[in-house]
Amino acid sequence: MQSRGSGNRLSGLVFRSRISILTFTMVAAMATLYVAGRLWQDAENRVYLINELDRITGKGQTAISVDDTLKVIDCREQQKKLSALEMELAAARQEGFVSKHLSLVTETDKTKPKKRLVAVIGILTRFGKQNNRNAIRKAWMPTGAALKRMEEDKGIIIRFVIGRSANRGDSLDRGIDRENGQHNDFIILDNTEVPEELPKKTKLFFAYAADTWDSEFYAKVNDDVFVNIDPLTTILATHMDKPRVYIGCMKSGEVFSEPAHKWYEPDWWKFGDGKSYFRHASGEIFVISRALAQFVSINRDMLRTYAHDDVSVGSWFIGLSVKHIDEAKFCCSSWSSGAICSGV
């Protein structure tokens, strides 16, 4: 049997043991919190240093998926394109639909300003129309050195405009290449030369001409029309002060909804119940000013074409601040006094 003194000593030992354990636990917990805090702080410091290093070196990497990475790259590319388009639009507004990439100027050109042309005339032609082209060369379009002199002396460029065969490189294409090699008077567009593509071809001609030559005016002519160049330049000179002009023998006319009709318009329903076209220049010959040609070039991918090229061109300028000039001398029905054209 234990004595009372022995029991007191045992109780004291147990009590001191519990205090020691509690103290140890508290110290351990505080040490754990301290270590965890230091580790957390060190981790934060490492992240901060890594971020700063990435910021300075520009080599930051983020653990994202491949899809997310591609999206980020695409967004950055779209942002670059948008910025470029905004700059181009600002320049176009300032200069009247002018796109800076249309007139690339070399350092030599800057020191030696080039005189602006008066007109670029595109004669839209087709395969199998060499007789028409030869007749035009004999009648009113110079050839060889004379063609170059007309450009230098009068500021007039004249070219036949044609596309490529559906079977690229066939005898039709080779024939045009030979003819162009002989006369050097073609614009060969990268479109398929078929009658139903004439509206698109006209659009591509204006875009190409505006991209290639800096001219006051751009004219479209059919290959069965003879043009008197001197009266034409005289008329154009009277409109030099108008920034956006559309000159031609203005007309309207019936819209035909019957598929079998020669002048069938697939989009006839867009022209209202009266089925009448808006006013537009007749397709034998018409002229647009520099700003309008550049407008066509800039917006070529968005401009709608209809069944006929004259209607298509007229539709592009309906909603713009454009001066429509109905010029009787552009009506090619006959050689009247002062007329600039005649149909054959």
Protein backbone atom coordinates (compact mmCIF):
# COMPACT_ATOMS: atom_id res chain seq x y z
CA MET A 1 0.00 0.00 0.00
CA GLN A 2 1.40 3.34 -1.13
CA SER A 3 1.90 6.14 1.30
CA ARG A 4 0.20 9.50 0.92
CA GLY A 5 3.56 11.20 0.14
CA SER A 6 4.27 8.83 -2.70
CA GLY A 7 0.89 9.61 -4.29
CA ASN A 8 1.50 13.34 -4.13
CA ARG A 9 4.86 12.94 -5.83
CA LEU A 10 3.29 10.84 -8.65
CA SER A 11 0.55 13.40 -9.21
CA GLY A 12 3.15 16.14 -9.42
CA LEU A 13 5.10 14.23 -12.02
CA VAL A 14 2.01 13.64 -14.17
CA PHE A 15 1.04 17.32 -13.93
CA ARG A 16 4.54 18.47 -14.93
CA SER A 17 4.58 15.95 -17.79
CA ARG A 18 1.29 17.32 -19.14
CA ILE A 19 2.65 20.87 -18.98
CA SER A 20 5.80 19.80 -20.81
CA ILE A 21 3.75 18.10 -23.56
CA LEU A 22 1.45 21.13 -23.92
CA THR A 23 4.43 23.47 -24.03
CA PHE A 24 6.16 21.29 -26.60
CA THR A 25 2.99 21.17 -28.69
CA MET A 26 2.60 24.94 -28.62
CA VAL A 27 6.24 25.46 -29.52
CA ALA A 28 5.98 22.92 -32.32
CA ALA A 29 2.84 24.60 -33.68
CA MET A 30 4.49 28.01 -33.56
CA ALA A 31 7.57 26.62 -35.25
CA THR A 32 5.40 25.03 -37.94
CA LEU A 33 3.59 28.30 -38.56
CA TYR A 34 6.89 30.14 -38.65
CA VAL A 35 8.42 27.70 -41.15
CA ALA A 36 5.26 27.67 -43.28
CA GLY A 37 5.21 31.46 -43.26
CA ARG A 38 8.83 31.62 -44.34
CA LEU A 39 8.23 29.04 -47.04
CA TRP A 40 5.16 30.95 -48.28
CA GLN A 41 7.07 34.22 -48.23
CA ASP A 42 9.98 32.60 -50.07
CA ALA A 43 7.56 31.19 -52.64
CA GLU A 44 6.02 34.62 -53.12
CA ASN A 45 9.46 36.14 -53.47
CA ARG A 46 10.42 33.54 -56.05
CA VAL A 47 7.23 34.17 -58.04
CA TYR A 48 7.82 37.92 -57.86
CA LEU A 49 11.42 37.52 -59.00
CA ILE A 50 10.41 35.20 -61.85
CA ASN A 51 7.71 37.62 -62.98
CA GLU A 52 10.12 40.52 -62.85
CA LEU A 53 12.68 38.51 -64.80
CA ASP A 54 10.04 37.58 -67.38
CA ARG A 55 8.97 41.19 -67.62
CA ILE A 56 12.51 42.40 -68.14
CA THR A 57 13.61 39.71 -70.54
CA GLY A 58 10.30 39.39 -72.33
CA LYS A 59 10.48 35.62 -72.11
CA GLY A 60 7.60 34.92 -69.78
CA GLN A 61 5.94 31.54 -70.06
CA THR A 62 2.51 30.58 -68.81
CA ALA A 63 1.25 27.09 -68.24
CA ILE A 64 -1.74 27.19 -70.62
CA SER A 65 -3.12 24.69 -73.04
CA VAL A 66 -2.17 24.49 -76.72
CA ASP A 67 -5.66 25.68 -77.70
CA ASP A 68 -5.39 28.69 -75.41
CA THR A 69 -1.95 29.47 -76.82
CA LEU A 70 -3.29 29.40 -80.39
CA LYS A 71 -6.16 31.68 -79.36
CA VAL A 72 -3.72 34.18 -77.86
CA ILE A 73 -1.58 34.12 -81.00
CA ASP A 74 -4.66 34.59 -83.20
CA CYS A 75 -5.86 37.52 -81.08
CA ARG A 76 -2.48 39.19 -81.36
CA GLU A 77 -2.46 38.73 -85.15
CA GLN A 78 -5.99 40.12 -85.42
CA GLN A 79 -4.95 43.09 -83.29
CA LYS A 80 -2.04 43.79 -85.63
CA LYS A 81 -4.34 43.61 -88.66
CA LEU A 82 -6.90 45.86 -86.99
CA SER A 83 -4.24 48.44 -86.16
CA ALA A 84 -2.98 48.39 -89.73
CA LEU A 85 -6.53 48.78 -91.10
CA GLU A 86 -7.24 51.67 -88.73
CA MET A 87 -4.13 53.47 -89.95
CA GLU A 88 -5.07 52.78 -93.56
CA LEU A 89 -8.62 54.00 -93.00
CA ALA A 90 -7.37 57.22 -91.43
CA ALA A 91 -5.15 57.85 -94.42
CA ALA A 92 -7.97 57.00 -96.81
CA ARG A 93 -10.33 59.45 -95.13
CA GLN A 94 -7.72 62.17 -95.23
CA GLU A 95 -6.94 61.75 -98.92
CA GLY A 96 -10.32 60.70 -100.28
CA PHE A 97 -10.39 56.90 -100.19
CA VAL A 98 -6.62 56.69 -100.59
CA SER A 99 -4.85 53.57 -99.38
CA LYS A 100 -1.18 54.06 -98.55
CA HIS A 101 -0.17 50.66 -99.92
CA LEU A 102 -1.48 51.68 -103.33
CA SER A 103 1.27 54.21 -103.89
CA LEU A 104 4.54 52.80 -102.66
CA VAL A 105 7.23 55.42 -103.17
CA THR A 106 10.92 54.62 -103.34
CA GLU A 107 13.61 56.94 -102.04
CA THR A 108 14.45 57.86 -105.63
CA ASP A 109 10.82 58.75 -106.33
CA LYS A 110 10.74 60.99 -103.26
CA THR A 111 13.61 63.09 -104.55
CA LYS A 112 12.20 63.10 -108.07
CA PRO A 113 8.41 63.67 -107.96
CA LYS A 114 6.49 61.93 -110.72
CA LYS A 115 3.81 63.80 -112.62
CA ARG A 116 0.34 62.37 -112.18
CA LEU A 117 -1.23 60.85 -115.29
CA VAL A 118 -4.40 62.22 -116.83
CA ALA A 119 -6.13 58.91 -117.54
CA VAL A 120 -5.66 55.16 -117.60
CA ILE A 121 -7.92 53.59 -120.24
CA GLY A 122 -8.70 49.89 -120.05
CA ILE A 123 -10.20 48.29 -123.15
CA LEU A 124 -11.97 45.16 -121.95
CA THR A 125 -11.51 42.42 -124.51
CA ARG A 126 -11.92 38.64 -124.81
CA PHE A 127 -10.41 35.60 -126.46
CA GLY A 128 -11.16 35.47 -130.17
CA LYS A 129 -11.33 39.27 -130.50
CA GLN A 130 -7.93 39.92 -132.05
CA ASN A 131 -9.52 41.50 -135.13
CA ASN A 132 -11.21 44.05 -132.87
CA ARG A 133 -7.93 44.77 -131.14
CA ASN A 134 -6.05 45.18 -134.40
CA ALA A 135 -8.76 47.57 -135.66
CA ILE A 136 -8.39 49.66 -132.50
CA ARG A 137 -4.60 49.71 -132.86
CA LYS A 138 -4.97 51.04 -136.39
CA ALA A 139 -7.72 53.55 -135.55
CA TRP A 140 -7.00 55.26 -132.23
CA MET A 141 -4.60 53.33 -130.01
CA PRO A 142 -0.88 53.94 -130.72
CA THR A 143 1.54 51.04 -130.83
CA GLY A 144 5.18 50.57 -130.01
CA ALA A 145 7.16 53.71 -129.21
CA ALA A 146 4.12 55.90 -129.95
CA LEU A 147 2.24 54.26 -127.10
CA LYS A 148 5.06 55.16 -124.74
CA ARG A 149 5.19 58.73 -126.06
CA MET A 150 1.45 59.13 -125.43
CA GLU A 151 2.08 58.24 -121.80
CA GLU A 152 4.97 60.69 -121.49
CA ASP A 153 3.56 63.57 -123.56
CA LYS A 154 -0.18 63.39 -122.87
CA GLY A 155 -0.31 61.43 -119.62
CA ILE A 156 -2.58 58.77 -121.18
CA ILE A 157 -2.08 55.03 -120.68
CA ILE A 158 -4.10 52.62 -122.84
CA ARG A 159 -4.16 48.86 -122.34
CA PHE A 160 -6.28 45.92 -123.43
CA VAL A 161 -7.64 44.07 -120.39
CA ILE A 162 -8.16 40.31 -120.41
CA GLY A 163 -8.21 37.42 -117.96
CA ARG A 164 -6.85 33.90 -118.18
CA SER A 165 -8.31 30.77 -119.73
CA ALA A 166 -10.20 28.32 -117.52
CA ASN A 167 -7.52 25.83 -118.63
CA ARG A 168 -4.52 27.85 -117.58
CA GLY A 169 -1.62 27.76 -120.00
CA ASP A 170 -3.63 26.42 -122.97
CA SER A 171 -3.54 27.73 -126.55
CA LEU A 172 -5.80 30.69 -125.65
CA ASP A 173 -3.41 31.89 -122.95
CA ARG A 174 -0.39 31.29 -125.16
CA GLY A 175 -1.99 33.28 -127.98
CA ILE A 176 -2.52 36.29 -125.70
CA ASP A 177 1.03 36.00 -124.37
CA ARG A 178 2.39 36.04 -127.94
CA GLU A 179 0.25 39.04 -128.86
CA ASN A 180 1.34 40.87 -125.73
CA GLY A 181 4.95 40.01 -126.44
CA GLN A 182 4.55 41.65 -129.85
CA HIS A 183 2.72 44.82 -128.75
CA ASN A 184 3.24 45.06 -124.96
CA ASP A 185 -0.22 46.61 -124.53
CA PHE A 186 -2.12 44.18 -122.28
CA ILE A 187 -3.19 44.02 -118.66
CA ILE A 188 -3.60 40.29 -117.99
CA LEU A 189 -5.71 39.81 -114.86
CA ASP A 190 -5.68 36.71 -112.71
CA ASN A 191 -9.34 35.87 -113.25
CA THR A 192 -11.11 33.40 -115.52
CA GLU A 193 -12.08 34.97 -118.84
CA VAL A 194 -15.77 34.09 -119.26
CA PRO A 195 -18.64 36.45 -120.28
CA GLU A 196 -20.52 36.05 -117.00
CA GLU A 197 -17.44 37.29 -115.10
CA LEU A 198 -17.40 40.68 -116.87
CA PRO A 199 -18.61 42.66 -113.79
CA LYS A 200 -15.90 41.11 -111.65
CA LYS A 201 -13.35 41.72 -114.39
CA THR A 202 -14.30 45.41 -114.53
CA LYS A 203 -13.86 45.66 -110.77
CA LEU A 204 -10.47 43.96 -110.92
CA PHE A 205 -9.35 46.29 -113.71
CA PHE A 206 -10.12 49.43 -111.67
CA ALA A 207 -8.42 47.93 -108.61
CA TYR A 208 -5.35 46.93 -110.61
CA ALA A 209 -5.12 50.28 -112.41
CA ALA A 210 -5.46 52.25 -109.16
CA ASP A 211 -2.78 50.09 -107.52
CA THR A 212 -0.40 50.44 -110.48
CA TRP A 213 -0.77 54.00 -111.78
CA ASP A 214 -1.39 57.33 -110.08
CA SER A 215 -3.87 59.00 -112.41
CA GLU A 216 -6.56 61.65 -112.25
CA PHE A 217 -9.08 59.39 -114.03
CA TYR A 218 -9.65 55.75 -114.96
CA ALA A 219 -11.78 54.76 -117.95
CA LYS A 220 -13.40 51.51 -119.02
CA VAL A 221 -14.03 50.97 -122.76
CA ASN A 222 -15.47 48.03 -124.71
CA ASP A 223 -13.39 46.52 -127.51
CA ASP A 224 -16.01 47.44 -130.13
CA VAL A 225 -15.81 51.19 -129.41
CA PHE A 226 -13.58 53.75 -131.11
CA VAL A 227 -12.45 56.67 -128.95
CA ASN A 228 -11.28 60.15 -129.92
CA ILE A 229 -8.55 60.81 -127.36
CA ASP A 230 -8.20 64.60 -127.73
CA PRO A 231 -11.88 65.45 -127.07
CA LEU A 232 -11.85 62.95 -124.20
CA THR A 233 -8.92 64.67 -122.48
CA THR A 234 -10.58 68.05 -123.05
CA ILE A 235 -13.72 66.90 -121.24
CA LEU A 236 -11.73 65.36 -118.41
CA ALA A 237 -9.78 68.59 -117.92
CA THR A 238 -13.02 70.37 -117.01
CA HIS A 239 -13.59 67.99 -114.09
CA MET A 240 -10.12 68.05 -112.53
CA ASP A 241 -11.41 70.09 -109.59
CA LYS A 242 -14.03 67.49 -108.62
CA PRO A 243 -12.59 64.82 -106.31
CA ARG A 244 -15.28 62.16 -106.85
CA VAL A 245 -16.85 62.10 -110.31
CA TYR A 246 -18.53 59.37 -112.34
CA ILE A 247 -18.83 60.38 -116.00
CA GLY A 248 -20.76 58.64 -118.74
CA CYS A 249 -23.87 58.38 -120.86
CA MET A 250 -26.28 57.97 -117.95
CA LYS A 251 -29.31 55.74 -118.37
CA SER A 252 -31.72 53.51 -116.51
CA GLY A 253 -33.77 50.68 -117.99
CA GLU A 254 -35.94 47.66 -117.34
CA VAL A 255 -34.82 44.82 -115.10
CA PHE A 256 -35.58 41.47 -116.73
CA SER A 257 -36.60 38.62 -114.44
CA GLU A 258 -37.04 35.93 -117.11
CA PRO A 259 -34.04 33.52 -117.15
CA ALA A 260 -34.32 33.03 -120.91
CA HIS A 261 -33.94 36.75 -121.63
CA LYS A 262 -30.63 38.03 -122.99
CA TRP A 263 -30.34 40.66 -120.24
CA TYR A 264 -31.61 38.47 -117.40
CA GLU A 265 -30.85 39.80 -113.91
CA PRO A 266 -30.77 37.03 -111.25
CA ASP A 267 -31.14 39.67 -108.53
CA TRP A 268 -34.15 41.29 -110.21
CA TRP A 269 -36.16 41.21 -106.96
CA LYS A 270 -33.77 43.70 -105.34
CA PHE A 271 -34.87 46.48 -107.69
CA GLY A 272 -38.41 46.84 -106.37
CA ASP A 273 -41.82 46.30 -107.86
CA GLY A 274 -41.13 48.65 -110.77
CA LYS A 275 -38.20 46.48 -111.90
CA SER A 276 -36.19 49.48 -113.05
CA TYR A 277 -32.45 50.00 -112.65
CA PHE A 278 -31.09 53.06 -110.91
CA ARG A 279 -29.21 55.62 -113.03
CA HIS A 280 -25.83 54.39 -114.19
CA ALA A 281 -23.38 55.02 -117.01
CA SER A 282 -23.71 52.98 -120.19
CA GLY A 283 -21.09 50.26 -120.43
CA GLU A 284 -19.53 51.26 -123.78
CA ILE A 285 -17.36 53.84 -122.06
CA PHE A 286 -17.37 55.56 -118.68
CA VAL A 287 -14.83 57.29 -116.46
CA ILE A 288 -14.32 57.46 -112.71
CA SER A 289 -12.00 59.76 -110.80
CA ARG A 290 -8.93 58.77 -108.82
CA ALA A 291 -10.66 58.67 -105.42
CA LEU A 292 -13.40 56.36 -106.72
CA ALA A 293 -10.91 53.98 -108.34
CA GLN A 294 -9.03 53.79 -105.06
CA PHE A 295 -12.32 53.20 -103.24
CA VAL A 296 -12.93 50.21 -105.55
CA SER A 297 -9.40 48.93 -104.89
CA ILE A 298 -9.69 49.17 -101.12
CA ASN A 299 -13.16 47.59 -101.00
CA ARG A 300 -12.86 45.12 -103.86
CA ASP A 301 -13.70 42.13 -101.67
CA MET A 302 -16.94 43.68 -100.40
CA LEU A 303 -18.36 45.31 -103.53
CA ARG A 304 -21.36 43.44 -104.92
CA THR A 305 -21.59 42.66 -108.64
CA TYR A 306 -24.78 42.17 -110.63
CA ALA A 307 -25.33 40.51 -113.99
CA HIS A 308 -24.00 43.51 -115.94
CA ASP A 309 -20.84 45.50 -115.37
CA ASP A 310 -22.38 48.93 -115.97
CA VAL A 311 -25.10 48.29 -113.37
CA SER A 312 -22.52 46.87 -110.95
CA VAL A 313 -20.28 49.93 -111.17
CA GLY A 314 -23.27 52.25 -110.76
CA SER A 315 -24.36 50.38 -107.63
CA TRP A 316 -21.00 50.95 -105.93
CA PHE A 317 -21.44 54.72 -105.95
CA ILE A 318 -25.13 55.01 -105.00
CA GLY A 319 -24.44 55.52 -101.32
CA LEU A 320 -21.34 57.71 -101.71
CA SER A 321 -20.90 61.44 -102.10
CA VAL A 322 -20.27 61.16 -105.84
CA LYS A 323 -20.98 63.61 -108.65
CA HIS A 324 -22.82 61.81 -111.46
CA ILE A 325 -22.12 63.58 -114.75
CA ASP A 326 -24.44 62.72 -117.63
CA GLU A 327 -22.21 63.52 -120.61
CA ALA A 328 -23.94 63.24 -124.00
CA LYS A 329 -20.56 63.04 -125.74
CA PHE A 330 -20.07 59.66 -124.06
CA CYS A 331 -23.11 58.24 -125.87
CA CYS A 332 -21.54 56.17 -128.65
CA SER A 333 -24.53 55.91 -131.00
CA SER A 334 -22.88 58.11 -133.66
CA TRP A 335 -20.00 60.48 -134.37
CA SER A 336 -21.75 63.72 -133.51
CA SER A 337 -19.95 67.04 -133.22
CA GLY A 338 -17.41 66.80 -130.40
CA ALA A 339 -18.32 63.18 -129.56
CA ILE A 340 -15.55 61.15 -128.01
CA CYS A 341 -16.67 57.66 -129.09
CA SER A 342 -18.44 55.58 -131.69
CA GLY A 343 -19.71 52.02 -131.57
CA VAL A 344 -18.88 49.63 -134.40
